[in-house]
Amino acid sequence: MKKIAILLPLVLTFSLSLMAAYALPEMVWALANPTSADTDPAFFFAGFIGLFIAFLALHVWGAVWLLRGQSAED
């Protein structure tokens, strides 16, 4: 139980930081250069949505684990 209570927030925070690290530079570049050929909104949104799904899946997994309670191996 202690191991998961420490690791789960770290994993969720790391996932959120990955989303921010990916999305913020892309968003700034797209806003600064709206007519640039390098700006591909489809690539930006697909990557951001993929990271969001991974982040959401970790939250769901954590919620299910917390609702189930402590098991014998925790």
PDB file of N, CA and C in Angstrom:
ATOM      1  N   MET A   1       0.829  -1.194   0.000  1.00  0.00           N
ATOM      2  CA  MET A   1       0.000   0.000   0.000  1.00  0.00           C
ATOM      3  C   MET A   1       0.874   1.259   0.000  1.00  0.00           C
ATOM      4  N   LYS A   2       1.912   1.246   0.811  1.00  0.00           N
ATOM      5  CA  LYS A   2       2.780   2.414   0.879  1.00  0.00           C
ATOM      6  C   LYS A   2       3.470   2.665  -0.458  1.00  0.00           C
ATOM      7  N   LYS A   3       3.871   1.568  -1.115  1.00  0.00           N
ATOM      8  CA  LYS A   3       4.573   1.702  -2.383  1.00  0.00           C
ATOM      9  C   LYS A   3       3.677   2.369  -3.433  1.00  0.00           C
ATOM     10  N   ILE A   4       2.435   1.925  -3.539  1.00  0.00           N
ATOM     11  CA  ILE A   4       1.509   2.497  -4.509  1.00  0.00           C
ATOM     12  C   ILE A   4       1.138   3.930  -4.133  1.00  0.00           C
ATOM     13  N   ALA A   5       0.974   4.189  -2.849  1.00  0.00           N
ATOM     14  CA  ALA A   5       0.614   5.540  -2.404  1.00  0.00           C
ATOM     15  C   ALA A   5       1.704   6.548  -2.755  1.00  0.00           C
ATOM     16  N   ILE A   6       2.931   6.085  -2.878  1.00  0.00           N
ATOM     17  CA  ILE A   6       4.032   6.962  -3.265  1.00  0.00           C
ATOM     18  C   ILE A   6       4.178   7.010  -4.782  1.00  0.00           C
ATOM     19  N   LEU A   7       4.080   5.866  -5.440  1.00  0.00           N
ATOM     20  CA  LEU A   7       4.325   5.797  -6.877  1.00  0.00           C
ATOM     21  C   LEU A   7       3.200   6.377  -7.723  1.00  0.00           C
ATOM     22  N   LEU A   8       1.952   6.187  -7.329  1.00  0.00           N
ATOM     23  CA  LEU A   8       0.837   6.641  -8.154  1.00  0.00           C
ATOM     24  C   LEU A   8       0.856   8.155  -8.387  1.00  0.00           C
ATOM     25  N   PRO A   9       0.989   8.984  -7.361  1.00  0.00           N
ATOM     26  CA  PRO A   9       1.060  10.429  -7.640  1.00  0.00           C
ATOM     27  C   PRO A   9       2.268  10.806  -8.494  1.00  0.00           C
ATOM     28  N   LEU A  10       3.386  10.109  -8.309  1.00  0.00           N
ATOM     29  CA  LEU A  10       4.563  10.398  -9.125  1.00  0.00           C
ATOM     30  C   LEU A  10       4.318  10.074 -10.591  1.00  0.00           C
ATOM     31  N   VAL A  11       3.694   8.936 -10.856  1.00  0.00           N
ATOM     32  CA  VAL A  11       3.410   8.542 -12.238  1.00  0.00           C
ATOM     33  C   VAL A  11       2.415   9.508 -12.872  1.00  0.00           C
ATOM     34  N   LEU A  12       1.385   9.878 -12.138  1.00  0.00           N
ATOM     35  CA  LEU A  12       0.390  10.809 -12.679  1.00  0.00           C
ATOM     36  C   LEU A  12       0.999  12.185 -12.931  1.00  0.00           C
ATOM     37  N   THR A  13       1.847  12.643 -12.032  1.00  0.00           N
ATOM     38  CA  THR A  13       2.510  13.931 -12.224  1.00  0.00           C
ATOM     39  C   THR A  13       3.462  13.875 -13.408  1.00  0.00           C
ATOM     40  N   PHE A  14       4.172  12.765 -13.564  1.00  0.00           N
ATOM     41  CA  PHE A  14       5.069  12.604 -14.704  1.00  0.00           C
ATOM     42  C   PHE A  14       4.279  12.616 -16.008  1.00  0.00           C
ATOM     43  N   SER A  15       3.125  11.955 -16.032  1.00  0.00           N
ATOM     44  CA  SER A  15       2.294  11.953 -17.238  1.00  0.00           C
ATOM     45  C   SER A  15       1.814  13.358 -17.575  1.00  0.00           C
ATOM     46  N   LEU A  16       1.420  14.095 -16.559  1.00  0.00           N
ATOM     47  CA  LEU A  16       0.975  15.470 -16.790  1.00  0.00           C
ATOM     48  C   LEU A  16       2.122  16.332 -17.302  1.00  0.00           C
ATOM     49  N   SER A  17       3.319  16.130 -16.769  1.00  0.00           N
ATOM     50  CA  SER A  17       4.462  16.907 -17.239  1.00  0.00           C
ATOM     51  C   SER A  17       4.827  16.541 -18.671  1.00  0.00           C
ATOM     52  N   LEU A  18       4.638  15.271 -19.060  1.00  0.00           N
ATOM     53  CA  LEU A  18       4.858  14.892 -20.455  1.00  0.00           C
ATOM     54  C   LEU A  18       3.874  15.607 -21.370  1.00  0.00           C
ATOM     55  N   MET A  19       2.620  15.673 -20.943  1.00  0.00           N
ATOM     56  CA  MET A  19       1.624  16.387 -21.744  1.00  0.00           C
ATOM     57  C   MET A  19       2.021  17.849 -21.904  1.00  0.00           C
ATOM     58  N   ALA A  20       2.420  18.474 -20.823  1.00  0.00           N
ATOM     59  CA  ALA A  20       2.796  19.885 -20.885  1.00  0.00           C
ATOM     60  C   ALA A  20       4.059  20.082 -21.716  1.00  0.00           C
ATOM     61  N   ALA A  21       5.030  19.200 -21.553  1.00  0.00           N
ATOM     62  CA  ALA A  21       6.280  19.322 -22.298  1.00  0.00           C
ATOM     63  C   ALA A  21       6.050  19.159 -23.794  1.00  0.00           C
ATOM     64  N   TYR A  22       5.074  18.351 -24.166  1.00  0.00           N
ATOM     65  CA  TYR A  22       4.781  18.156 -25.580  1.00  0.00           C
ATOM     66  C   TYR A  22       3.898  19.274 -26.118  1.00  0.00           C
ATOM     67  N   ALA A  23       2.865  19.630 -25.377  1.00  0.00           N
ATOM     68  CA  ALA A  23       1.838  20.522 -25.897  1.00  0.00           C
ATOM     69  C   ALA A  23       2.257  21.991 -25.901  1.00  0.00           C
ATOM     70  N   LEU A  24       2.918  22.445 -24.858  1.00  0.00           N
ATOM     71  CA  LEU A  24       3.198  23.874 -24.759  1.00  0.00           C
ATOM     72  C   LEU A  24       4.116  24.401 -25.865  1.00  0.00           C
ATOM     73  N   PRO A  25       5.242  23.757 -26.173  1.00  0.00           N
ATOM     74  CA  PRO A  25       6.063  24.269 -27.281  1.00  0.00           C
ATOM     75  C   PRO A  25       5.336  24.219 -28.623  1.00  0.00           C
ATOM     76  N   GLU A  26       4.559  23.162 -28.848  1.00  0.00           N
ATOM     77  CA  GLU A  26       3.801  23.067 -30.093  1.00  0.00           C
ATOM     78  C   GLU A  26       2.778  24.193 -30.192  1.00  0.00           C
ATOM     79  N   MET A  27       2.104  24.464 -29.098  1.00  0.00           N
ATOM     80  CA  MET A  27       1.086  25.501 -29.104  1.00  0.00           C
ATOM     81  C   MET A  27       1.721  26.878 -29.312  1.00  0.00           C
ATOM     82  N   VAL A  28       2.825  27.141 -28.642  1.00  0.00           N
ATOM     83  CA  VAL A  28       3.508  28.427 -28.804  1.00  0.00           C
ATOM     84  C   VAL A  28       3.997  28.586 -30.238  1.00  0.00           C
ATOM     85  N   TRP A  29       4.564  27.529 -30.816  1.00  0.00           N
ATOM     86  CA  TRP A  29       5.049  27.593 -32.195  1.00  0.00           C
ATOM     87  C   TRP A  29       3.895  27.838 -33.164  1.00  0.00           C
ATOM     88  N   ALA A  30       2.776  27.151 -32.955  1.00  0.00           N
ATOM     89  CA  ALA A  30       1.624  27.311 -33.841  1.00  0.00           C
ATOM     90  C   ALA A  30       1.051  28.728 -33.745  1.00  0.00           C
ATOM     91  N   LEU A  31       1.024  29.299 -32.547  1.00  0.00           N
ATOM     92  CA  LEU A  31       0.502  30.654 -32.393  1.00  0.00           C
ATOM     93  C   LEU A  31       1.468  31.702 -32.945  1.00  0.00           C
ATOM     94  N   ALA A  32       2.768  31.452 -32.822  1.00  0.00           N
ATOM     95  CA  ALA A  32       3.760  32.417 -33.290  1.00  0.00           C
ATOM     96  C   ALA A  32       3.915  32.382 -34.810  1.00  0.00           C
ATOM     97  N   ASN A  33       3.697  31.221 -35.421  1.00  0.00           N
ATOM     98  CA  ASN A  33       3.885  31.053 -36.868  1.00  0.00           C
ATOM     99  C   ASN A  33       2.657  30.393 -37.498  1.00  0.00           C
ATOM    100  N   PRO A  34       1.546  31.093 -37.573  1.00  0.00           N
ATOM    101  CA  PRO A  34       0.324  30.442 -38.056  1.00  0.00           C
ATOM    102  C   PRO A  34       0.375  30.027 -39.525  1.00  0.00           C
ATOM    103  N   THR A  35       1.236  30.646 -40.326  1.00  0.00           N
ATOM    104  CA  THR A  35       1.293  30.301 -41.750  1.00  0.00           C
ATOM    105  C   THR A  35       2.477  29.407 -42.086  1.00  0.00           C
ATOM    106  N   SER A  36       3.222  28.960 -41.097  1.00  0.00           N
ATOM    107  CA  SER A  36       4.403  28.135 -41.333  1.00  0.00           C
ATOM    108  C   SER A  36       4.017  26.757 -41.848  1.00  0.00           C
ATOM    109  N   ALA A  37       4.826  26.240 -42.761  1.00  0.00           N
ATOM    110  CA  ALA A  37       4.578  24.897 -43.296  1.00  0.00           C
ATOM    111  C   ALA A  37       4.895  23.826 -42.259  1.00  0.00           C
ATOM    112  N   ASP A  38       5.695  24.178 -41.251  1.00  0.00           N
ATOM    113  CA  ASP A  38       6.051  23.205 -40.214  1.00  0.00           C
ATOM    114  C   ASP A  38       4.939  23.005 -39.191  1.00  0.00           C
ATOM    115  N   THR A  39       3.967  23.881 -39.191  1.00  0.00           N
ATOM    116  CA  THR A  39       2.885  23.794 -38.217  1.00  0.00           C
ATOM    117  C   THR A  39       1.827  22.832 -38.729  1.00  0.00           C
ATOM    118  N   ASP A  40       1.681  21.719 -38.065  1.00  0.00           N
ATOM    119  CA  ASP A  40       0.696  20.710 -38.463  1.00  0.00           C
ATOM    120  C   ASP A  40      -0.254  20.480 -37.302  1.00  0.00           C
ATOM    121  N   PRO A  41      -1.419  21.103 -37.328  1.00  0.00           N
ATOM    122  CA  PRO A  41      -2.342  20.962 -36.200  1.00  0.00           C
ATOM    123  C   PRO A  41      -2.794  19.525 -35.967  1.00  0.00           C
ATOM    124  N   ALA A  42      -2.890  18.733 -37.035  1.00  0.00           N
ATOM    125  CA  ALA A  42      -3.321  17.339 -36.863  1.00  0.00           C
ATOM    126  C   ALA A  42      -2.302  16.570 -36.019  1.00  0.00           C
ATOM    127  N   PHE A  43      -1.017  16.790 -36.270  1.00  0.00           N
ATOM    128  CA  PHE A  43       0.031  16.129 -35.500  1.00  0.00           C
ATOM    129  C   PHE A  43      -0.024  16.569 -34.042  1.00  0.00           C
ATOM    130  N   PHE A  44      -0.206  17.861 -33.834  1.00  0.00           N
ATOM    131  CA  PHE A  44      -0.285  18.406 -32.476  1.00  0.00           C
ATOM    132  C   PHE A  44      -1.464  17.811 -31.718  1.00  0.00           C
ATOM    133  N   PHE A  45      -2.642  17.824 -32.320  1.00  0.00           N
ATOM    134  CA  PHE A  45      -3.827  17.332 -31.620  1.00  0.00           C
ATOM    135  C   PHE A  45      -3.783  15.821 -31.412  1.00  0.00           C
ATOM    136  N   ALA A  46      -3.272  15.078 -32.381  1.00  0.00           N
ATOM    137  CA  ALA A  46      -3.188  13.621 -32.219  1.00  0.00           C
ATOM    138  C   ALA A  46      -2.248  13.261 -31.073  1.00  0.00           C
ATOM    139  N   GLY A  47      -1.106  13.919 -31.001  1.00  0.00           N
ATOM    140  CA  GLY A  47      -0.172  13.647 -29.912  1.00  0.00           C
ATOM    141  C   GLY A  47      -0.724  14.055 -28.561  1.00  0.00           C
ATOM    142  N   PHE A  48      -1.360  15.210 -28.514  1.00  0.00           N
ATOM    143  CA  PHE A  48      -1.918  15.687 -27.250  1.00  0.00           C
ATOM    144  C   PHE A  48      -3.049  14.781 -26.781  1.00  0.00           C
ATOM    145  N   ILE A  49      -3.904  14.355 -27.707  1.00  0.00           N
ATOM    146  CA  ILE A  49      -5.009  13.461 -27.345  1.00  0.00           C
ATOM    147  C   ILE A  49      -4.468  12.113 -26.883  1.00  0.00           C
ATOM    148  N   GLY A  50      -3.417  11.617 -27.530  1.00  0.00           N
ATOM    149  CA  GLY A  50      -2.809  10.355 -27.106  1.00  0.00           C
ATOM    150  C   GLY A  50      -2.256  10.431 -25.693  1.00  0.00           C
ATOM    151  N   LEU A  51      -1.566  11.512 -25.388  1.00  0.00           N
ATOM    152  CA  LEU A  51      -1.040  11.677 -24.037  1.00  0.00           C
ATOM    153  C   LEU A  51      -2.159  11.863 -23.020  1.00  0.00           C
ATOM    154  N   PHE A  52      -3.232  12.542 -23.418  1.00  0.00           N
ATOM    155  CA  PHE A  52      -4.371  12.715 -22.520  1.00  0.00           C
ATOM    156  C   PHE A  52      -5.023  11.372 -22.202  1.00  0.00           C
ATOM    157  N   ILE A  53      -5.139  10.507 -23.213  1.00  0.00           N
ATOM    158  CA  ILE A  53      -5.737   9.182 -22.995  1.00  0.00           C
ATOM    159  C   ILE A  53      -4.878   8.371 -22.029  1.00  0.00           C
ATOM    160  N   ALA A  54      -3.554   8.440 -22.194  1.00  0.00           N
ATOM    161  CA  ALA A  54      -2.666   7.717 -21.278  1.00  0.00           C
ATOM    162  C   ALA A  54      -2.799   8.267 -19.855  1.00  0.00           C
ATOM    163  N   PHE A  55      -2.878   9.575 -19.715  1.00  0.00           N
ATOM    164  CA  PHE A  55      -3.035  10.209 -18.407  1.00  0.00           C
ATOM    165  C   PHE A  55      -4.365   9.809 -17.773  1.00  0.00           C
ATOM    166  N   LEU A  56      -5.435   9.801 -18.573  1.00  0.00           N
ATOM    167  CA  LEU A  56      -6.750   9.413 -18.072  1.00  0.00           C
ATOM    168  C   LEU A  56      -6.769   7.944 -17.663  1.00  0.00           C
ATOM    169  N   ALA A  57      -6.110   7.090 -18.451  1.00  0.00           N
ATOM    170  CA  ALA A  57      -6.065   5.664 -18.120  1.00  0.00           C
ATOM    171  C   ALA A  57      -5.366   5.434 -16.782  1.00  0.00           C
ATOM    172  N   LEU A  58      -4.309   6.172 -16.519  1.00  0.00           N
ATOM    173  CA  LEU A  58      -3.625   6.042 -15.230  1.00  0.00           C
ATOM    174  C   LEU A  58      -4.519   6.498 -14.082  1.00  0.00           C
ATOM    175  N   HIS A  59      -5.299   7.535 -14.298  1.00  0.00           N
ATOM    176  CA  HIS A  59      -6.234   7.971 -13.260  1.00  0.00           C
ATOM    177  C   HIS A  59      -7.298   6.914 -12.995  1.00  0.00           C
ATOM    178  N   VAL A  60      -7.835   6.330 -14.052  1.00  0.00           N
ATOM    179  CA  VAL A  60      -8.864   5.293 -13.893  1.00  0.00           C
ATOM    180  C   VAL A  60      -8.276   4.093 -13.170  1.00  0.00           C
ATOM    181  N   TRP A  61      -7.070   3.686 -13.573  1.00  0.00           N
ATOM    182  CA  TRP A  61      -6.418   2.555 -12.916  1.00  0.00           C
ATOM    183  C   TRP A  61      -6.225   2.851 -11.423  1.00  0.00           C
ATOM    184  N   GLY A  62      -5.782   4.062 -11.101  1.00  0.00           N
ATOM    185  CA  GLY A  62      -5.586   4.435  -9.702  1.00  0.00           C
ATOM    186  C   GLY A  62      -6.891   4.445  -8.922  1.00  0.00           C
ATOM    187  N   ALA A  63      -7.956   4.944  -9.542  1.00  0.00           N
ATOM    188  CA  ALA A  63      -9.254   4.970  -8.863  1.00  0.00           C
ATOM    189  C   ALA A  63      -9.774   3.561  -8.609  1.00  0.00           C
ATOM    190  N   VAL A  64      -9.633   2.684  -9.590  1.00  0.00           N
ATOM    191  CA  VAL A  64     -10.074   1.289  -9.417  1.00  0.00           C
ATOM    192  C   VAL A  64      -9.270   0.628  -8.313  1.00  0.00           C
ATOM    193  N   TRP A  65      -7.970   0.864  -8.298  1.00  0.00           N
ATOM    194  CA  TRP A  65      -7.124   0.273  -7.266  1.00  0.00           C
ATOM    195  C   TRP A  65      -7.537   0.777  -5.884  1.00  0.00           C
ATOM    196  N   LEU A  66      -7.807   2.069  -5.772  1.00  0.00           N
ATOM    197  CA  LEU A  66      -8.196   2.623  -4.474  1.00  0.00           C
ATOM    198  C   LEU A  66      -9.560   2.104  -4.023  1.00  0.00           C
ATOM    199  N   LEU A  67     -10.487   1.919  -4.955  1.00  0.00           N
ATOM    200  CA  LEU A  67     -11.811   1.410  -4.598  1.00  0.00           C
ATOM    201  C   LEU A  67     -11.763  -0.056  -4.185  1.00  0.00           C
ATOM    202  N   ARG A  68     -10.858  -0.824  -4.806  1.00  0.00           N
ATOM    203  CA  ARG A  68     -10.733  -2.242  -4.470  1.00  0.00           C
ATOM    204  C   ARG A  68     -10.128  -2.456  -3.098  1.00  0.00           C
ATOM    205  N   GLY A  69      -9.277  -1.566  -2.698  1.00  0.00           N
ATOM    206  CA  GLY A  69      -8.655  -1.682  -1.380  1.00  0.00           C
ATOM    207  C   GLY A  69      -7.328  -2.411  -1.439  1.00  0.00           C
ATOM    208  N   GLN A  70      -6.770  -2.631  -0.284  1.00  0.00           N
ATOM    209  CA  GLN A  70      -5.456  -3.243  -0.160  1.00  0.00           C
ATOM    210  C   GLN A  70      -5.548  -4.744  -0.385  1.00  0.00           C
ATOM    211  N   SER A  71      -4.623  -5.263  -1.200  1.00  0.00           N
ATOM    212  CA  SER A  71      -4.584  -6.706  -1.437  1.00  0.00           C
ATOM    213  C   SER A  71      -3.488  -7.339  -0.583  1.00  0.00           C
ATOM    214  N   ALA A  72      -3.364  -8.644  -0.664  1.00  0.00           N
ATOM    215  CA  ALA A  72      -2.400  -9.370   0.174  1.00  0.00           C
ATOM    216  C   ALA A  72      -0.959  -9.003  -0.158  1.00  0.00           C
ATOM    217  N   GLU A  73      -0.656  -8.717  -1.429  1.00  0.00           N
ATOM    218  CA  GLU A  73       0.735  -8.448  -1.796  1.00  0.00           C
ATOM    219  C   GLU A  73       1.146  -6.996  -1.594  1.00  0.00           C
ATOM    220  N   ASP A  74       0.242  -6.109  -1.192  1.00  0.00           N
ATOM    221  CA  ASP A  74       0.594  -4.695  -0.983  1.00  0.00           C
ATOM    222  C   ASP A  74       1.189  -4.474   0.387  1.00  0.00           C
TER     223      ASP A  74
END
